[in-house]
Every structure is written in C-alpha cells, then in structure tokens.
Amino acid sequence: MNGAMLEAVPPVVPETVPEVTSLGGVPMVREESWREVHRLFHVERRSKADIARLLAVDRKTVRSILRTAVWRS
C-alpha cells in the first residue's frame, strides 16, 4: 500500500464505550433471583440448564447459586 491510501482511511473509533461501573457492595445476583433459582430447582425439579435458559443466565451461575444454602447480602 502506498502512503496516500493509508491517510484516506479514518481511524476506527467505537461509537459507544462500555460503561465501567464499580460493584461497590452490590450483589451480582439479587435475592429474588437467588430464591427463584432455588425454587425452580428444589420445588419444580428443573435441571440447571433449564433454569439457566428460563432466567437467561449462565449455567455456571445457576450452579454457583445452588451451592449457597442461605442468601448472603
């Protein structure tokens, strides 16, 4: 490529920049979601994968929630 072609191409600048937020004590999973995961698993006897699909969360998140026996705020 020659120098004229490189100068004609504008630099790629993202239109939106991801917002950086501090978690600062805010739980990743809210209590309502924690309770719903436990209800679906223990009462309705749904699989972890099914719960993940229903709630639109990762299956590993469901597994992690189920490992905690009590809600921690």
PDB file of N, CA and C in Angstrom:
ATOM      1  N   MET A   1       0.845  -1.187   0.000  1.00  0.00           N
ATOM      2  CA  MET A   1       0.000   0.000   0.000  1.00  0.00           C
ATOM      3  C   MET A   1       0.883   1.241   0.000  1.00  0.00           C
ATOM      4  N   ASN A   2       0.362   2.259  -0.603  1.00  0.00           N
ATOM      5  CA  ASN A   2       1.133   3.492  -0.574  1.00  0.00           C
ATOM      6  C   ASN A   2       0.626   4.408   0.535  1.00  0.00           C
ATOM      7  N   GLY A   3       1.352   5.444   0.840  1.00  0.00           N
ATOM      8  CA  GLY A   3       1.026   6.351   1.929  1.00  0.00           C
ATOM      9  C   GLY A   3      -0.286   7.092   1.740  1.00  0.00           C
ATOM     10  N   ALA A   4      -0.681   7.394   0.479  1.00  0.00           N
ATOM     11  CA  ALA A   4      -1.925   8.112   0.218  1.00  0.00           C
ATOM     12  C   ALA A   4      -3.136   7.279   0.614  1.00  0.00           C
ATOM     13  N   MET A   5      -3.069   5.975   0.388  1.00  0.00           N
ATOM     14  CA  MET A   5      -4.198   5.110   0.739  1.00  0.00           C
ATOM     15  C   MET A   5      -4.354   5.011   2.248  1.00  0.00           C
ATOM     16  N   LEU A   6      -3.244   4.957   2.979  1.00  0.00           N
ATOM     17  CA  LEU A   6      -3.318   4.857   4.428  1.00  0.00           C
ATOM     18  C   LEU A   6      -3.881   6.123   5.053  1.00  0.00           C
ATOM     19  N   GLU A   7      -3.583   7.276   4.458  1.00  0.00           N
ATOM     20  CA  GLU A   7      -4.091   8.533   5.003  1.00  0.00           C
ATOM     21  C   GLU A   7      -5.584   8.690   4.765  1.00  0.00           C
ATOM     22  N   ALA A   8      -6.140   8.043   3.741  1.00  0.00           N
ATOM     23  CA  ALA A   8      -7.550   8.194   3.416  1.00  0.00           C
ATOM     24  C   ALA A   8      -8.452   7.377   4.333  1.00  0.00           C
ATOM     25  N   VAL A   9      -7.905   6.406   5.010  1.00  0.00           N
ATOM     26  CA  VAL A   9      -8.708   5.552   5.882  1.00  0.00           C
ATOM     27  C   VAL A   9      -8.777   6.188   7.268  1.00  0.00           C
ATOM     28  N   PRO A  10      -9.987   6.531   7.727  1.00  0.00           N
ATOM     29  CA  PRO A  10     -10.106   7.133   9.064  1.00  0.00           C
ATOM     30  C   PRO A  10      -9.862   6.075  10.141  1.00  0.00           C
ATOM     31  N   PRO A  11      -9.366   6.491  11.289  1.00  0.00           N
ATOM     32  CA  PRO A  11      -9.148   5.529  12.366  1.00  0.00           C
ATOM     33  C   PRO A  11     -10.488   4.989  12.880  1.00  0.00           C
ATOM     34  N   VAL A  12     -10.484   3.753  13.310  1.00  0.00           N
ATOM     35  CA  VAL A  12     -11.698   3.137  13.835  1.00  0.00           C
ATOM     36  C   VAL A  12     -11.879   3.597  15.273  1.00  0.00           C
ATOM     37  N   VAL A  13     -12.993   4.260  15.519  1.00  0.00           N
ATOM     38  CA  VAL A  13     -13.316   4.746  16.854  1.00  0.00           C
ATOM     39  C   VAL A  13     -14.676   4.168  17.231  1.00  0.00           C
ATOM     40  N   PRO A  14     -14.770   3.443  18.328  1.00  0.00           N
ATOM     41  CA  PRO A  14     -16.079   2.897  18.705  1.00  0.00           C
ATOM     42  C   PRO A  14     -17.068   4.015  19.000  1.00  0.00           C
ATOM     43  N   GLU A  15     -18.309   3.792  18.546  1.00  0.00           N
ATOM     44  CA  GLU A  15     -19.350   4.801  18.771  1.00  0.00           C
ATOM     45  C   GLU A  15     -19.755   4.853  20.234  1.00  0.00           C
ATOM     46  N   THR A  16     -19.754   3.704  20.864  1.00  0.00           N
ATOM     47  CA  THR A  16     -20.096   3.673  22.283  1.00  0.00           C
ATOM     48  C   THR A  16     -18.979   2.988  23.036  1.00  0.00           C
ATOM     49  N   VAL A  17     -18.665   3.528  24.158  1.00  0.00           N
ATOM     50  CA  VAL A  17     -17.633   2.967  25.010  1.00  0.00           C
ATOM     51  C   VAL A  17     -18.331   2.258  26.159  1.00  0.00           C
ATOM     52  N   PRO A  18     -17.943   1.003  26.475  1.00  0.00           N
ATOM     53  CA  PRO A  18     -18.601   0.318  27.589  1.00  0.00           C
ATOM     54  C   PRO A  18     -18.478   1.111  28.873  1.00  0.00           C
ATOM     55  N   GLU A  19     -19.555   1.184  29.599  1.00  0.00           N
ATOM     56  CA  GLU A  19     -19.558   1.912  30.862  1.00  0.00           C
ATOM     57  C   GLU A  19     -18.884   1.064  31.931  1.00  0.00           C
ATOM     58  N   VAL A  20     -17.953   1.640  32.633  1.00  0.00           N
ATOM     59  CA  VAL A  20     -17.266   0.946  33.705  1.00  0.00           C
ATOM     60  C   VAL A  20     -17.958   1.321  34.998  1.00  0.00           C
ATOM     61  N   THR A  21     -18.448   0.300  35.683  1.00  0.00           N
ATOM     62  CA  THR A  21     -19.136   0.566  36.941  1.00  0.00           C
ATOM     63  C   THR A  21     -18.459  -0.208  38.056  1.00  0.00           C
ATOM     64  N   SER A  22     -18.489   0.354  39.225  1.00  0.00           N
ATOM     65  CA  SER A  22     -17.949  -0.312  40.398  1.00  0.00           C
ATOM     66  C   SER A  22     -19.049  -1.124  41.044  1.00  0.00           C
ATOM     67  N   LEU A  23     -18.736  -2.344  41.452  1.00  0.00           N
ATOM     68  CA  LEU A  23     -19.746  -3.168  42.111  1.00  0.00           C
ATOM     69  C   LEU A  23     -19.989  -2.682  43.531  1.00  0.00           C
ATOM     70  N   GLY A  24     -19.016  -2.125  44.162  1.00  0.00           N
ATOM     71  CA  GLY A  24     -19.132  -1.472  45.455  1.00  0.00           C
ATOM     72  C   GLY A  24     -20.158  -2.053  46.402  1.00  0.00           C
ATOM     73  N   GLY A  25     -20.148  -3.347  46.648  1.00  0.00           N
ATOM     74  CA  GLY A  25     -21.060  -3.946  47.601  1.00  0.00           C
ATOM     75  C   GLY A  25     -22.387  -4.360  47.013  1.00  0.00           C
ATOM     76  N   VAL A  26     -22.615  -4.134  45.730  1.00  0.00           N
ATOM     77  CA  VAL A  26     -23.863  -4.550  45.110  1.00  0.00           C
ATOM     78  C   VAL A  26     -23.731  -6.016  44.726  1.00  0.00           C
ATOM     79  N   PRO A  27     -24.650  -6.862  45.198  1.00  0.00           N
ATOM     80  CA  PRO A  27     -24.535  -8.286  44.874  1.00  0.00           C
ATOM     81  C   PRO A  27     -24.735  -8.545  43.385  1.00  0.00           C
ATOM     82  N   MET A  28     -23.997  -9.520  42.851  1.00  0.00           N
ATOM     83  CA  MET A  28     -24.116  -9.874  41.441  1.00  0.00           C
ATOM     84  C   MET A  28     -25.472 -10.506  41.158  1.00  0.00           C
ATOM     85  N   VAL A  29     -26.000 -11.280  42.103  1.00  0.00           N
ATOM     86  CA  VAL A  29     -27.298 -11.924  41.955  1.00  0.00           C
ATOM     87  C   VAL A  29     -28.200 -11.378  43.043  1.00  0.00           C
ATOM     88  N   ARG A  30     -29.326 -10.874  42.644  1.00  0.00           N
ATOM     89  CA  ARG A  30     -30.259 -10.322  43.628  1.00  0.00           C
ATOM     90  C   ARG A  30     -30.986 -11.436  44.374  1.00  0.00           C
ATOM     91  N   GLU A  31     -31.496 -11.103  45.535  1.00  0.00           N
ATOM     92  CA  GLU A  31     -32.152 -12.108  46.378  1.00  0.00           C
ATOM     93  C   GLU A  31     -33.340 -12.754  45.671  1.00  0.00           C
ATOM     94  N   GLU A  32     -34.085 -11.969  44.906  1.00  0.00           N
ATOM     95  CA  GLU A  32     -35.251 -12.522  44.208  1.00  0.00           C
ATOM     96  C   GLU A  32     -34.820 -13.589  43.209  1.00  0.00           C
ATOM     97  N   SER A  33     -33.731 -13.334  42.491  1.00  0.00           N
ATOM     98  CA  SER A  33     -33.217 -14.302  41.524  1.00  0.00           C
ATOM     99  C   SER A  33     -32.686 -15.538  42.243  1.00  0.00           C
ATOM    100  N   TRP A  34     -32.009 -15.349  43.350  1.00  0.00           N
ATOM    101  CA  TRP A  34     -31.480 -16.462  44.135  1.00  0.00           C
ATOM    102  C   TRP A  34     -32.617 -17.368  44.588  1.00  0.00           C
ATOM    103  N   ARG A  35     -33.673 -16.746  45.100  1.00  0.00           N
ATOM    104  CA  ARG A  35     -34.829 -17.531  45.559  1.00  0.00           C
ATOM    105  C   ARG A  35     -35.506 -18.262  44.399  1.00  0.00           C
ATOM    106  N   GLU A  36     -35.610 -17.613  43.261  1.00  0.00           N
ATOM    107  CA  GLU A  36     -36.245 -18.227  42.094  1.00  0.00           C
ATOM    108  C   GLU A  36     -35.449 -19.436  41.597  1.00  0.00           C
ATOM    109  N   VAL A  37     -34.135 -19.324  41.574  1.00  0.00           N
ATOM    110  CA  VAL A  37     -33.296 -20.457  41.159  1.00  0.00           C
ATOM    111  C   VAL A  37     -33.515 -21.635  42.098  1.00  0.00           C
ATOM    112  N   HIS A  38     -33.506 -21.383  43.390  1.00  0.00           N
ATOM    113  CA  HIS A  38     -33.715 -22.451  44.364  1.00  0.00           C
ATOM    114  C   HIS A  38     -35.115 -23.042  44.251  1.00  0.00           C
ATOM    115  N   ARG A  39     -36.106 -22.205  44.027  1.00  0.00           N
ATOM    116  CA  ARG A  39     -37.484 -22.706  43.879  1.00  0.00           C
ATOM    117  C   ARG A  39     -37.605 -23.597  42.645  1.00  0.00           C
ATOM    118  N   LEU A  40     -37.071 -23.139  41.529  1.00  0.00           N
ATOM    119  CA  LEU A  40     -37.159 -23.919  40.297  1.00  0.00           C
ATOM    120  C   LEU A  40     -36.437 -25.259  40.424  1.00  0.00           C
ATOM    121  N   PHE A  41     -35.316 -25.259  41.122  1.00  0.00           N
ATOM    122  CA  PHE A  41     -34.532 -26.485  41.243  1.00  0.00           C
ATOM    123  C   PHE A  41     -35.140 -27.454  42.262  1.00  0.00           C
ATOM    124  N   HIS A  42     -35.493 -26.944  43.442  1.00  0.00           N
ATOM    125  CA  HIS A  42     -35.936 -27.830  44.524  1.00  0.00           C
ATOM    126  C   HIS A  42     -37.434 -28.139  44.492  1.00  0.00           C
ATOM    127  N   VAL A  43     -38.249 -27.185  44.088  1.00  0.00           N
ATOM    128  CA  VAL A  43     -39.700 -27.390  44.090  1.00  0.00           C
ATOM    129  C   VAL A  43     -40.177 -27.940  42.743  1.00  0.00           C
ATOM    130  N   GLU A  44     -39.803 -27.276  41.663  1.00  0.00           N
ATOM    131  CA  GLU A  44     -40.251 -27.701  40.346  1.00  0.00           C
ATOM    132  C   GLU A  44     -39.362 -28.778  39.729  1.00  0.00           C
ATOM    133  N   ARG A  45     -38.230 -29.068  40.387  1.00  0.00           N
ATOM    134  CA  ARG A  45     -37.304 -30.122  39.950  1.00  0.00           C
ATOM    135  C   ARG A  45     -36.800 -29.925  38.523  1.00  0.00           C
ATOM    136  N   ARG A  46     -36.502 -28.677  38.181  1.00  0.00           N
ATOM    137  CA  ARG A  46     -35.964 -28.375  36.847  1.00  0.00           C
ATOM    138  C   ARG A  46     -34.460 -28.545  36.847  1.00  0.00           C
ATOM    139  N   SER A  47     -33.902 -28.829  35.673  1.00  0.00           N
ATOM    140  CA  SER A  47     -32.455 -29.002  35.555  1.00  0.00           C
ATOM    141  C   SER A  47     -31.766 -27.633  35.610  1.00  0.00           C
ATOM    142  N   LYS A  48     -30.486 -27.652  35.896  1.00  0.00           N
ATOM    143  CA  LYS A  48     -29.710 -26.415  35.942  1.00  0.00           C
ATOM    144  C   LYS A  48     -29.697 -25.738  34.575  1.00  0.00           C
ATOM    145  N   ALA A  49     -29.566 -26.529  33.529  1.00  0.00           N
ATOM    146  CA  ALA A  49     -29.551 -25.968  32.171  1.00  0.00           C
ATOM    147  C   ALA A  49     -30.899 -25.329  31.841  1.00  0.00           C
ATOM    148  N   ASP A  50     -31.982 -25.956  32.248  1.00  0.00           N
ATOM    149  CA  ASP A  50     -33.315 -25.410  32.003  1.00  0.00           C
ATOM    150  C   ASP A  50     -33.506 -24.097  32.755  1.00  0.00           C
ATOM    151  N   ILE A  51     -33.066 -24.065  33.998  1.00  0.00           N
ATOM    152  CA  ILE A  51     -33.164 -22.832  34.801  1.00  0.00           C
ATOM    153  C   ILE A  51     -32.354 -21.715  34.153  1.00  0.00           C
ATOM    154  N   ALA A  52     -31.165 -22.053  33.683  1.00  0.00           N
ATOM    155  CA  ALA A  52     -30.310 -21.054  33.026  1.00  0.00           C
ATOM    156  C   ALA A  52     -31.009 -20.481  31.798  1.00  0.00           C
ATOM    157  N   ARG A  53     -31.646 -21.325  31.013  1.00  0.00           N
ATOM    158  CA  ARG A  53     -32.380 -20.842  29.827  1.00  0.00           C
ATOM    159  C   ARG A  53     -33.561 -19.974  30.232  1.00  0.00           C
ATOM    160  N   LEU A  54     -34.316 -20.406  31.234  1.00  0.00           N
ATOM    161  CA  LEU A  54     -35.501 -19.653  31.668  1.00  0.00           C
ATOM    162  C   LEU A  54     -35.146 -18.255  32.174  1.00  0.00           C
ATOM    163  N   LEU A  55     -34.065 -18.170  32.926  1.00  0.00           N
ATOM    164  CA  LEU A  55     -33.694 -16.904  33.563  1.00  0.00           C
ATOM    165  C   LEU A  55     -32.648 -16.119  32.773  1.00  0.00           C
ATOM    166  N   ALA A  56     -32.214 -16.667  31.658  1.00  0.00           N
ATOM    167  CA  ALA A  56     -31.218 -16.011  30.789  1.00  0.00           C
ATOM    168  C   ALA A  56     -29.927 -15.695  31.541  1.00  0.00           C
ATOM    169  N   VAL A  57     -29.437 -16.702  32.270  1.00  0.00           N
ATOM    170  CA  VAL A  57     -28.153 -16.586  32.944  1.00  0.00           C
ATOM    171  C   VAL A  57     -27.300 -17.786  32.538  1.00  0.00           C
ATOM    172  N   ASP A  58     -26.029 -17.722  32.832  1.00  0.00           N
ATOM    173  CA  ASP A  58     -25.134 -18.816  32.513  1.00  0.00           C
ATOM    174  C   ASP A  58     -25.402 -20.005  33.429  1.00  0.00           C
ATOM    175  N   ARG A  59     -25.207 -21.199  32.908  1.00  0.00           N
ATOM    176  CA  ARG A  59     -25.414 -22.422  33.679  1.00  0.00           C
ATOM    177  C   ARG A  59     -24.484 -22.467  34.897  1.00  0.00           C
ATOM    178  N   LYS A  60     -23.285 -21.916  34.751  1.00  0.00           N
ATOM    179  CA  LYS A  60     -22.344 -21.888  35.871  1.00  0.00           C
ATOM    180  C   LYS A  60     -22.836 -20.967  36.986  1.00  0.00           C
ATOM    181  N   THR A  61     -23.558 -19.927  36.618  1.00  0.00           N
ATOM    182  CA  THR A  61     -24.137 -19.033  37.618  1.00  0.00           C
ATOM    183  C   THR A  61     -25.201 -19.769  38.416  1.00  0.00           C
ATOM    184  N   VAL A  62     -26.028 -20.550  37.716  1.00  0.00           N
ATOM    185  CA  VAL A  62     -27.057 -21.343  38.396  1.00  0.00           C
ATOM    186  C   VAL A  62     -26.391 -22.319  39.358  1.00  0.00           C
ATOM    187  N   ARG A  63     -25.344 -22.994  38.900  1.00  0.00           N
ATOM    188  CA  ARG A  63     -24.620 -23.944  39.749  1.00  0.00           C
ATOM    189  C   ARG A  63     -24.071 -23.240  40.990  1.00  0.00           C
ATOM    190  N   SER A  64     -23.504 -22.069  40.804  1.00  0.00           N
ATOM    191  CA  SER A  64     -22.941 -21.307  41.918  1.00  0.00           C
ATOM    192  C   SER A  64     -24.025 -20.896  42.917  1.00  0.00           C
ATOM    193  N   ILE A  65     -25.165 -20.473  42.403  1.00  0.00           N
ATOM    194  CA  ILE A  65     -26.277 -20.077  43.281  1.00  0.00           C
ATOM    195  C   ILE A  65     -26.743 -21.264  44.107  1.00  0.00           C
ATOM    196  N   LEU A  66     -26.849 -22.419  43.474  1.00  0.00           N
ATOM    197  CA  LEU A  66     -27.341 -23.607  44.181  1.00  0.00           C
ATOM    198  C   LEU A  66     -26.366 -24.110  45.224  1.00  0.00           C
ATOM    199  N   ARG A  67     -25.098 -23.753  45.113  1.00  0.00           N
ATOM    200  CA  ARG A  67     -24.108 -24.169  46.107  1.00  0.00           C
ATOM    201  C   ARG A  67     -24.248 -23.390  47.419  1.00  0.00           C
ATOM    202  N   THR A  68     -24.895 -22.237  47.362  1.00  0.00           N
ATOM    203  CA  THR A  68     -25.087 -21.444  48.581  1.00  0.00           C
ATOM    204  C   THR A  68     -26.425 -21.787  49.197  1.00  0.00           C
ATOM    205  N   ALA A  69     -26.405 -22.282  50.418  1.00  0.00           N
ATOM    206  CA  ALA A  69     -27.628 -22.744  51.079  1.00  0.00           C
ATOM    207  C   ALA A  69     -28.473 -21.603  51.629  1.00  0.00           C
ATOM    208  N   VAL A  70     -27.846 -20.496  51.967  1.00  0.00           N
ATOM    209  CA  VAL A  70     -28.584 -19.348  52.502  1.00  0.00           C
ATOM    210  C   VAL A  70     -28.188 -18.089  51.739  1.00  0.00           C
ATOM    211  N   TRP A  71     -29.111 -17.154  51.646  1.00  0.00           N
ATOM    212  CA  TRP A  71     -28.853 -15.885  50.955  1.00  0.00           C
ATOM    213  C   TRP A  71     -27.876 -15.050  51.763  1.00  0.00           C
ATOM    214  N   ARG A  72     -26.862 -14.537  51.094  1.00  0.00           N
ATOM    215  CA  ARG A  72     -25.889 -13.648  51.737  1.00  0.00           C
ATOM    216  C   ARG A  72     -26.015 -12.288  51.079  1.00  0.00           C
ATOM    217  N   SER A  73     -26.319 -11.278  51.851  1.00  0.00           N
ATOM    218  CA  SER A  73     -26.445  -9.918  51.279  1.00  0.00           C
ATOM    219  C   SER A  73     -25.138  -9.204  51.244  1.00  0.00           C
TER     220      SER A  73
END
